PDB file of N, CA and C in Angstrom:
ATOM      1  N   MET A   1       3.898   2.309  17.614  1.00  0.00           N
ATOM      2  CA  MET A   1       4.684   1.356  16.862  1.00  0.00           C
ATOM      3  C   MET A   1       6.163   1.723  16.977  1.00  0.00           C
ATOM      4  N   THR A   2       6.964   0.735  16.997  1.00  0.00           N
ATOM      5  CA  THR A   2       8.396   0.979  17.023  1.00  0.00           C
ATOM      6  C   THR A   2       8.928   1.112  15.606  1.00  0.00           C
ATOM      7  N   SER A   3      10.103   1.679  15.497  1.00  0.00           N
ATOM      8  CA  SER A   3      10.716   1.899  14.193  1.00  0.00           C
ATOM      9  C   SER A   3      10.819   0.613  13.358  1.00  0.00           C
ATOM     10  N   PRO A   4      11.276  -0.524  13.936  1.00  0.00           N
ATOM     11  CA  PRO A   4      11.338  -1.750  13.123  1.00  0.00           C
ATOM     12  C   PRO A   4       9.968  -2.218  12.628  1.00  0.00           C
ATOM     13  N   LEU A   5       8.942  -2.034  13.446  1.00  0.00           N
ATOM     14  CA  LEU A   5       7.594  -2.446  13.021  1.00  0.00           C
ATOM     15  C   LEU A   5       7.085  -1.558  11.889  1.00  0.00           C
ATOM     16  N   ILE A   6       7.366  -0.271  11.975  1.00  0.00           N
ATOM     17  CA  ILE A   6       6.948   0.640  10.904  1.00  0.00           C
ATOM     18  C   ILE A   6       7.673   0.289   9.613  1.00  0.00           C
ATOM     19  N   HIS A   7       8.960   0.033   9.705  1.00  0.00           N
ATOM     20  CA  HIS A   7       9.726  -0.345   8.510  1.00  0.00           C
ATOM     21  C   HIS A   7       9.195  -1.655   7.915  1.00  0.00           C
ATOM     22  N   SER A   8       8.881  -2.611   8.774  1.00  0.00           N
ATOM     23  CA  SER A   8       8.331  -3.887   8.312  1.00  0.00           C
ATOM     24  C   SER A   8       6.977  -3.686   7.637  1.00  0.00           C
ATOM     25  N   SER A   9       6.158  -2.818   8.202  1.00  0.00           N
ATOM     26  CA  SER A   9       4.852  -2.529   7.599  1.00  0.00           C
ATOM     27  C   SER A   9       5.015  -1.906   6.225  1.00  0.00           C
ATOM     28  N   SER A  10       5.996  -1.023   6.104  1.00  0.00           N
ATOM     29  CA  SER A  10       6.264  -0.393   4.814  1.00  0.00           C
ATOM     30  C   SER A  10       6.677  -1.434   3.774  1.00  0.00           C
ATOM     31  N   GLN A  11       7.511  -2.378   4.187  1.00  0.00           N
ATOM     32  CA  GLN A  11       7.931  -3.442   3.270  1.00  0.00           C
ATOM     33  C   GLN A  11       6.738  -4.327   2.890  1.00  0.00           C
ATOM     34  N   SER A  12       5.851  -4.590   3.840  1.00  0.00           N
ATOM     35  CA  SER A  12       4.659  -5.393   3.539  1.00  0.00           C
ATOM     36  C   SER A  12       3.769  -4.681   2.534  1.00  0.00           C
ATOM     37  N   LEU A  13       3.646  -3.373   2.664  1.00  0.00           N
ATOM     38  CA  LEU A  13       2.858  -2.611   1.696  1.00  0.00           C
ATOM     39  C   LEU A  13       3.509  -2.663   0.314  1.00  0.00           C
ATOM     40  N   ASP A  14       4.831  -2.561   0.271  1.00  0.00           N
ATOM     41  CA  ASP A  14       5.530  -2.671  -1.017  1.00  0.00           C
ATOM     42  C   ASP A  14       5.201  -4.000  -1.680  1.00  0.00           C
ATOM     43  N   TRP A  15       5.233  -5.068  -0.895  1.00  0.00           N
ATOM     44  CA  TRP A  15       4.928  -6.401  -1.426  1.00  0.00           C
ATOM     45  C   TRP A  15       3.487  -6.460  -1.915  1.00  0.00           C
ATOM     46  N   ALA A  16       2.565  -5.923  -1.120  1.00  0.00           N
ATOM     47  CA  ALA A  16       1.148  -5.967  -1.496  1.00  0.00           C
ATOM     48  C   ALA A  16       0.901  -5.215  -2.802  1.00  0.00           C
ATOM     49  N   ILE A  17       1.552  -4.071  -2.935  1.00  0.00           N
ATOM     50  CA  ILE A  17       1.351  -3.263  -4.143  1.00  0.00           C
ATOM     51  C   ILE A  17       1.879  -3.986  -5.377  1.00  0.00           C
ATOM     52  N   THR A  18       3.040  -4.611  -5.257  1.00  0.00           N
ATOM     53  CA  THR A  18       3.579  -5.307  -6.426  1.00  0.00           C
ATOM     54  C   THR A  18       2.832  -6.603  -6.715  1.00  0.00           C
ATOM     55  N   SER A  19       2.164  -7.164  -5.719  1.00  0.00           N
ATOM     56  CA  SER A  19       1.439  -8.422  -5.904  1.00  0.00           C
ATOM     57  C   SER A  19      -0.008  -8.219  -6.345  1.00  0.00           C
ATOM     58  N   MET A  20      -0.547  -7.043  -6.103  1.00  0.00           N
ATOM     59  CA  MET A  20      -1.963  -6.768  -6.387  1.00  0.00           C
ATOM     60  C   MET A  20      -2.183  -6.582  -7.881  1.00  0.00           C
ATOM     61  N   PRO A  21      -3.103  -7.334  -8.451  1.00  0.00           N
ATOM     62  CA  PRO A  21      -3.417  -7.084  -9.863  1.00  0.00           C
ATOM     63  C   PRO A  21      -4.105  -5.723  -9.997  1.00  0.00           C
ATOM     64  N   THR A  22      -3.933  -5.084 -11.126  1.00  0.00           N
ATOM     65  CA  THR A  22      -4.565  -3.780 -11.342  1.00  0.00           C
ATOM     66  C   THR A  22      -5.792  -3.874 -12.235  1.00  0.00           C
ATOM     67  N   GLU A  23      -6.001  -5.031 -12.832  1.00  0.00           N
ATOM     68  CA  GLU A  23      -7.159  -5.224 -13.707  1.00  0.00           C
ATOM     69  C   GLU A  23      -7.753  -6.606 -13.496  1.00  0.00           C
ATOM     70  N   VAL A  24      -9.066  -6.680 -13.624  1.00  0.00           N
ATOM     71  CA  VAL A  24      -9.708  -7.994 -13.566  1.00  0.00           C
ATOM     72  C   VAL A  24      -9.343  -8.753 -14.836  1.00  0.00           C
ATOM     73  N   PRO A  25      -9.418 -10.069 -14.801  1.00  0.00           N
ATOM     74  CA  PRO A  25      -9.098 -10.843 -16.004  1.00  0.00           C
ATOM     75  C   PRO A  25      -9.970 -10.438 -17.197  1.00  0.00           C
ATOM     76  N   THR A  26      -9.405 -10.485 -18.369  1.00  0.00           N
ATOM     77  CA  THR A  26     -10.154 -10.087 -19.570  1.00  0.00           C
ATOM     78  C   THR A  26     -11.331 -11.018 -19.852  1.00  0.00           C
ATOM     79  N   SER A  27     -11.274 -12.217 -19.291  1.00  0.00           N
ATOM     80  CA  SER A  27     -12.382 -13.147 -19.507  1.00  0.00           C
ATOM     81  C   SER A  27     -13.613 -12.761 -18.684  1.00  0.00           C
ATOM     82  N   TRP A  28     -13.449 -11.880 -17.722  1.00  0.00           N
ATOM     83  CA  TRP A  28     -14.583 -11.407 -16.924  1.00  0.00           C
ATOM     84  C   TRP A  28     -15.291 -10.313 -17.710  1.00  0.00           C
ATOM     85  N   VAL A  29     -16.586 -10.441 -17.864  1.00  0.00           N
ATOM     86  CA  VAL A  29     -17.353  -9.453 -18.620  1.00  0.00           C
ATOM     87  C   VAL A  29     -18.629  -9.106 -17.875  1.00  0.00           C
ATOM     88  N   GLY A  30     -19.210  -7.990 -18.240  1.00  0.00           N
ATOM     89  CA  GLY A  30     -20.499  -7.616 -17.697  1.00  0.00           C
ATOM     90  C   GLY A  30     -20.417  -6.739 -16.458  1.00  0.00           C
ATOM     91  N   LEU A  31     -21.584  -6.580 -15.850  1.00  0.00           N
ATOM     92  CA  LEU A  31     -21.740  -5.700 -14.704  1.00  0.00           C
ATOM     93  C   LEU A  31     -20.860  -6.115 -13.528  1.00  0.00           C
ATOM     94  N   ALA A  32     -20.807  -7.399 -13.231  1.00  0.00           N
ATOM     95  CA  ALA A  32     -19.991  -7.873 -12.114  1.00  0.00           C
ATOM     96  C   ALA A  32     -18.515  -7.569 -12.352  1.00  0.00           C
ATOM     97  N   SER A  33     -18.075  -7.700 -13.593  1.00  0.00           N
ATOM     98  CA  SER A  33     -16.688  -7.395 -13.932  1.00  0.00           C
ATOM     99  C   SER A  33     -16.382  -5.926 -13.675  1.00  0.00           C
ATOM    100  N   ARG A  34     -17.287  -5.048 -14.079  1.00  0.00           N
ATOM    101  CA  ARG A  34     -17.078  -3.610 -13.874  1.00  0.00           C
ATOM    102  C   ARG A  34     -17.102  -3.270 -12.388  1.00  0.00           C
ATOM    103  N   ALA A  35     -17.975  -3.918 -11.644  1.00  0.00           N
ATOM    104  CA  ALA A  35     -18.038  -3.682 -10.200  1.00  0.00           C
ATOM    105  C   ALA A  35     -16.750  -4.142  -9.519  1.00  0.00           C
ATOM    106  N   CYS A  36     -16.264  -5.297  -9.900  1.00  0.00           N
ATOM    107  CA  CYS A  36     -14.998  -5.800  -9.338  1.00  0.00           C
ATOM    108  C   CYS A  36     -13.845  -4.873  -9.696  1.00  0.00           C
ATOM    109  N   GLN A  37     -13.827  -4.379 -10.923  1.00  0.00           N
ATOM    110  CA  GLN A  37     -12.759  -3.468 -11.339  1.00  0.00           C
ATOM    111  C   GLN A  37     -12.803  -2.183 -10.527  1.00  0.00           C
ATOM    112  N   ALA A  38     -14.001  -1.673 -10.278  1.00  0.00           N
ATOM    113  CA  ALA A  38     -14.129  -0.440  -9.495  1.00  0.00           C
ATOM    114  C   ALA A  38     -13.590  -0.639  -8.081  1.00  0.00           C
ATOM    115  N   ILE A  39     -13.910  -1.770  -7.476  1.00  0.00           N
ATOM    116  CA  ILE A  39     -13.410  -2.056  -6.131  1.00  0.00           C
ATOM    117  C   ILE A  39     -11.903  -2.270  -6.157  1.00  0.00           C
ATOM    118  N   LEU A  40     -11.424  -2.967  -7.156  1.00  0.00           N
ATOM    119  CA  LEU A  40      -9.986  -3.183  -7.299  1.00  0.00           C
ATOM    120  C   LEU A  40      -9.252  -1.849  -7.443  1.00  0.00           C
ATOM    121  N   ASP A  41      -9.816  -0.935  -8.213  1.00  0.00           N
ATOM    122  CA  ASP A  41      -9.217   0.395  -8.362  1.00  0.00           C
ATOM    123  C   ASP A  41      -9.126   1.104  -7.010  1.00  0.00           C
ATOM    124  N   GLU A  42     -10.179   0.977  -6.198  1.00  0.00           N
ATOM    125  CA  GLU A  42     -10.177   1.595  -4.865  1.00  0.00           C
ATOM    126  C   GLU A  42      -9.113   0.975  -3.963  1.00  0.00           C
ATOM    127  N   VAL A  43      -8.975  -0.338  -4.020  1.00  0.00           N
ATOM    128  CA  VAL A  43      -7.973  -1.021  -3.202  1.00  0.00           C
ATOM    129  C   VAL A  43      -6.568  -0.596  -3.611  1.00  0.00           C
ATOM    130  N   VAL A  44      -6.305  -0.548  -4.899  1.00  0.00           N
ATOM    131  CA  VAL A  44      -4.990  -0.147  -5.398  1.00  0.00           C
ATOM    132  C   VAL A  44      -4.685   1.286  -4.958  1.00  0.00           C
ATOM    133  N   ALA A  45      -5.664   2.175  -5.055  1.00  0.00           N
ATOM    134  CA  ALA A  45      -5.462   3.566  -4.636  1.00  0.00           C
ATOM    135  C   ALA A  45      -5.223   3.651  -3.128  1.00  0.00           C
ATOM    136  N   SER A  46      -5.957   2.861  -2.360  1.00  0.00           N
ATOM    137  CA  SER A  46      -5.781   2.849  -0.907  1.00  0.00           C
ATOM    138  C   SER A  46      -4.404   2.343  -0.519  1.00  0.00           C
ATOM    139  N   LEU A  47      -3.929   1.315  -1.194  1.00  0.00           N
ATOM    140  CA  LEU A  47      -2.583   0.800  -0.921  1.00  0.00           C
ATOM    141  C   LEU A  47      -1.523   1.840  -1.256  1.00  0.00           C
ATOM    142  N   ALA A  48      -1.710   2.559  -2.347  1.00  0.00           N
ATOM    143  CA  ALA A  48      -0.749   3.595  -2.727  1.00  0.00           C
ATOM    144  C   ALA A  48      -0.710   4.701  -1.673  1.00  0.00           C
ATOM    145  N   THR A  49      -1.865   5.105  -1.184  1.00  0.00           N
ATOM    146  CA  THR A  49      -1.930   6.118  -0.132  1.00  0.00           C
ATOM    147  C   THR A  49      -1.274   5.611   1.145  1.00  0.00           C
ATOM    148  N   ALA A  50      -1.554   4.375   1.491  1.00  0.00           N
ATOM    149  CA  ALA A  50      -0.944   3.790   2.693  1.00  0.00           C
ATOM    150  C   ALA A  50       0.568   3.713   2.556  1.00  0.00           C
ATOM    151  N   GLN A  51       1.055   3.421   1.350  1.00  0.00           N
ATOM    152  CA  GLN A  51       2.500   3.338   1.125  1.00  0.00           C
ATOM    153  C   GLN A  51       3.151   4.710   1.322  1.00  0.00           C
ATOM    154  N   VAL A  52       2.524   5.755   0.807  1.00  0.00           N
ATOM    155  CA  VAL A  52       3.060   7.111   0.990  1.00  0.00           C
ATOM    156  C   VAL A  52       3.122   7.446   2.473  1.00  0.00           C
ATOM    157  N   ASN A  53       2.063   7.133   3.209  1.00  0.00           N
ATOM    158  CA  ASN A  53       2.040   7.413   4.645  1.00  0.00           C
ATOM    159  C   ASN A  53       3.069   6.576   5.391  1.00  0.00           C
ATOM    160  N   ALA A  54       3.260   5.337   4.987  1.00  0.00           N
ATOM    161  CA  ALA A  54       4.258   4.482   5.630  1.00  0.00           C
ATOM    162  C   ALA A  54       5.664   5.020   5.384  1.00  0.00           C
ATOM    163  N   GLU A  55       5.907   5.509   4.172  1.00  0.00           N
ATOM    164  CA  GLU A  55       7.219   6.085   3.866  1.00  0.00           C
ATOM    165  C   GLU A  55       7.472   7.326   4.716  1.00  0.00           C
ATOM    166  N   LYS A  56       6.437   8.132   4.918  1.00  0.00           N
ATOM    167  CA  LYS A  56       6.569   9.304   5.785  1.00  0.00           C
ATOM    168  C   LYS A  56       6.864   8.882   7.219  1.00  0.00           C
ATOM    169  N   ALA A  57       6.213   7.823   7.664  1.00  0.00           N
ATOM    170  CA  ALA A  57       6.448   7.332   9.024  1.00  0.00           C
ATOM    171  C   ALA A  57       7.867   6.802   9.181  1.00  0.00           C
ATOM    172  N   VAL A  58       8.362   6.090   8.182  1.00  0.00           N
ATOM    173  CA  VAL A  58       9.738   5.581   8.222  1.00  0.00           C
ATOM    174  C   VAL A  58      10.710   6.754   8.267  1.00  0.00           C
ATOM    175  N   ASP A  59      10.479   7.762   7.426  1.00  0.00           N
ATOM    176  CA  ASP A  59      11.353   8.936   7.421  1.00  0.00           C
ATOM    177  C   ASP A  59      11.335   9.635   8.782  1.00  0.00           C
ATOM    178  N   ALA A  60      10.166   9.752   9.376  1.00  0.00           N
ATOM    179  CA  ALA A  60      10.054  10.387  10.694  1.00  0.00           C
ATOM    180  C   ALA A  60      10.806   9.581  11.748  1.00  0.00           C
ATOM    181  N   CYS A  61      10.704   8.270  11.678  1.00  0.00           N
ATOM    182  CA  CYS A  61      11.432   7.418  12.628  1.00  0.00           C
ATOM    183  C   CYS A  61      12.933   7.564  12.460  1.00  0.00           C
ATOM    184  N   LEU A  62      13.386   7.650  11.217  1.00  0.00           N
ATOM    185  CA  LEU A  62      14.811   7.825  10.971  1.00  0.00           C
ATOM    186  C   LEU A  62      15.307   9.156  11.534  1.00  0.00           C
ATOM    187  N   LEU A  63      14.498  10.198  11.368  1.00  0.00           N
ATOM    188  CA  LEU A  63      14.873  11.497  11.924  1.00  0.00           C
ATOM    189  C   LEU A  63      14.892  11.457  13.450  1.00  0.00           C
ATOM    190  N   LEU A  64      13.912  10.806  14.023  1.00  0.00           N
ATOM    191  CA  LEU A  64      13.852  10.683  15.473  1.00  0.00           C
ATOM    192  C   LEU A  64      15.033   9.873  16.000  1.00  0.00           C
ATOM    193  N   ASP A  65      15.344   8.788  15.323  1.00  0.00           N
ATOM    194  CA  ASP A  65      16.478   7.964  15.739  1.00  0.00           C
ATOM    195  C   ASP A  65      17.798   8.737  15.633  1.00  0.00           C
ATOM    196  N   ALA A  66      17.899   9.617  14.645  1.00  0.00           N
ATOM    197  CA  ALA A  66      19.133  10.370  14.441  1.00  0.00           C
ATOM    198  C   ALA A  66      19.255  11.568  15.395  1.00  0.00           C
ATOM    199  N   SER A  67      18.146  11.960  15.971  1.00  0.00           N
ATOM    200  CA  SER A  67      18.187  13.111  16.885  1.00  0.00           C
ATOM    201  C   SER A  67      18.692  12.673  18.250  1.00  0.00           C
ATOM    202  N   SER A  68      18.909  13.641  19.079  1.00  0.00           N
ATOM    203  CA  SER A  68      19.395  13.334  20.437  1.00  0.00           C
ATOM    204  C   SER A  68      18.237  13.159  21.400  1.00  0.00           C
ATOM    205  N   TRP A  69      17.053  12.996  20.921  1.00  0.00           N
ATOM    206  CA  TRP A  69      15.830  12.854  21.716  1.00  0.00           C
ATOM    207  C   TRP A  69      15.929  11.809  22.727  1.00  0.00           C
TER     208      TRP A  69
END
């Protein structure tokens, strides 16, 4: 991936994280609601991990761009 694509991916993850609900609607009840919440929790955690990795990739690209490589 090129530096602009990595930066764009990082911005897309930022958008996804701010757009993703963290809880199922309160009107949802029962076993299906708990199952959906568990999956939603996993997705939110996965996005957070991906965001950290994307930030590391952006930082690495910035260092590479600044070097005489």
